[in-house]
Amino acid sequence: LVFGGVTISIVIGLSYQDTGEQVIRELSMDKIKLTGPVLHGTTLYSYTEVLSKEEVDGNSGVVSFRHYGVDQDKNLVFQGDRKALIRKKLY
C-alpha cells in the first residue's frame, strides 16, 4: 500500500506541466480525498478541471483547479482542489 502523500504528489506532479507553468505562488490545497487504495506498480493518470478564475491585476489572477487521480482500472483514487496565483501569459 502506498502512503497517501505519495499519491497526492504524483497526481499533482503529473498535472503540473499544464497547470503550474506560470504559477507565481501556490495559495491552497483543500477538500483532499483519497478514495481508493494505490499499490506499488499501480499506473496513475491525472485529470484537471478549472473551477474558477478571478483577475487580481492586469498581470495575474487566481485560478481554482480540481485534480483527479485515476488508476489503470479507471477507479478514482484521489480528488483535491488547488488554488494558485498565476501570471497571465504575455506575448
Protein backbone atom coordinates (compact mmCIF):
# COMPACT_ATOMS: atom_id res chain seq x y z
CA LEU A 1 0.00 0.00 0.00
CA VAL A 2 1.36 3.42 -0.99
CA PHE A 3 1.32 6.31 1.52
CA GLY A 4 -1.37 8.86 0.58
CA GLY A 5 1.11 11.74 0.40
CA VAL A 6 2.91 9.96 -2.42
CA THR A 7 -0.35 9.51 -4.33
CA ILE A 8 -1.15 13.22 -3.94
CA SER A 9 2.36 14.22 -5.06
CA ILE A 10 2.25 12.02 -8.14
CA VAL A 11 -1.18 13.24 -9.29
CA ILE A 12 -0.35 16.93 -8.73
CA GLY A 13 3.06 16.42 -10.35
CA LEU A 14 1.52 14.83 -13.44
CA SER A 15 -0.78 17.81 -13.91
CA TYR A 16 1.79 20.47 -13.04
CA GLN A 17 3.19 20.92 -16.55
CA ASP A 18 -0.24 22.13 -17.67
CA THR A 19 -1.36 23.95 -14.50
CA GLY A 20 1.85 25.22 -12.93
CA GLU A 21 3.96 26.70 -15.68
CA GLN A 22 3.05 30.34 -14.93
CA VAL A 23 2.44 29.98 -11.16
CA ILE A 24 3.66 32.86 -9.03
CA ARG A 25 2.50 31.35 -5.74
CA GLU A 26 0.55 28.31 -4.57
CA LEU A 27 -2.32 29.53 -2.37
CA SER A 28 -4.10 26.45 -1.03
CA MET A 29 -5.00 22.79 -1.30
CA ASP A 30 -8.38 21.80 0.07
CA LYS A 31 -11.02 19.06 0.05
CA ILE A 32 -8.44 16.29 -0.39
CA LYS A 33 -9.99 12.83 -0.71
CA LEU A 34 -8.06 9.58 -1.05
CA THR A 35 -10.89 7.41 -2.34
CA GLY A 36 -9.18 4.12 -3.09
CA PRO A 37 -6.02 2.12 -2.45
CA VAL A 38 -2.90 2.58 -4.54
CA LEU A 39 -0.46 -0.31 -4.60
CA HIS A 40 3.15 -0.47 -5.74
CA GLY A 41 3.03 -0.86 -9.53
CA THR A 42 -0.32 0.91 -9.98
CA THR A 43 -0.44 3.20 -13.01
CA LEU A 44 -1.88 6.63 -12.22
CA TYR A 45 -3.43 9.15 -14.57
CA SER A 46 -4.18 12.78 -13.73
CA TYR A 47 -7.06 14.95 -14.93
CA THR A 48 -7.69 18.58 -14.07
CA GLU A 49 -10.80 20.73 -14.18
CA VAL A 50 -10.70 24.54 -13.90
CA LEU A 51 -13.34 25.55 -11.37
CA SER A 52 -12.96 29.33 -11.47
CA LYS A 53 -10.68 32.21 -12.32
CA GLU A 54 -10.50 35.69 -10.84
CA GLU A 55 -8.38 38.54 -12.11
CA VAL A 56 -6.18 40.14 -9.44
CA ASP A 57 -4.46 42.79 -11.51
CA GLY A 58 -3.52 43.26 -15.15
CA ASN A 59 -0.74 40.69 -14.95
CA SER A 60 -2.10 37.86 -12.77
CA GLY A 61 -5.15 36.08 -11.42
CA VAL A 62 -6.27 33.37 -9.02
CA VAL A 63 -7.27 30.08 -10.65
CA SER A 64 -9.04 27.25 -8.82
CA PHE A 65 -8.44 23.70 -10.04
CA ARG A 66 -9.91 20.31 -9.16
CA HIS A 67 -7.45 17.47 -9.67
CA TYR A 68 -8.48 13.85 -10.15
CA GLY A 69 -6.24 10.80 -9.88
CA VAL A 70 -7.41 7.62 -11.61
CA ASP A 71 -5.78 4.19 -11.67
CA GLN A 72 -5.36 1.87 -14.65
CA ASP A 73 -8.81 0.36 -13.99
CA LYS A 74 -10.43 3.83 -14.14
CA ASN A 75 -11.08 3.89 -10.38
CA LEU A 76 -10.94 7.32 -8.76
CA VAL A 77 -8.17 7.18 -6.14
CA PHE A 78 -7.64 10.91 -5.45
CA GLN A 79 -9.56 14.17 -5.68
CA GLY A 80 -8.46 17.57 -4.41
CA ASP A 81 -8.89 21.28 -5.02
CA ARG A 82 -5.98 23.69 -5.50
CA LYS A 83 -5.75 27.47 -5.85
CA ALA A 84 -2.80 29.28 -7.40
CA LEU A 85 -1.85 32.83 -8.26
CA ILE A 86 -0.93 32.63 -11.95
CA ARG A 87 0.85 35.08 -14.22
CA LYS A 88 -1.03 35.90 -17.39
CA LYS A 89 0.82 34.78 -20.46
CA LEU A 90 2.18 37.85 -22.15
CA TYR A 91 3.00 37.59 -25.85
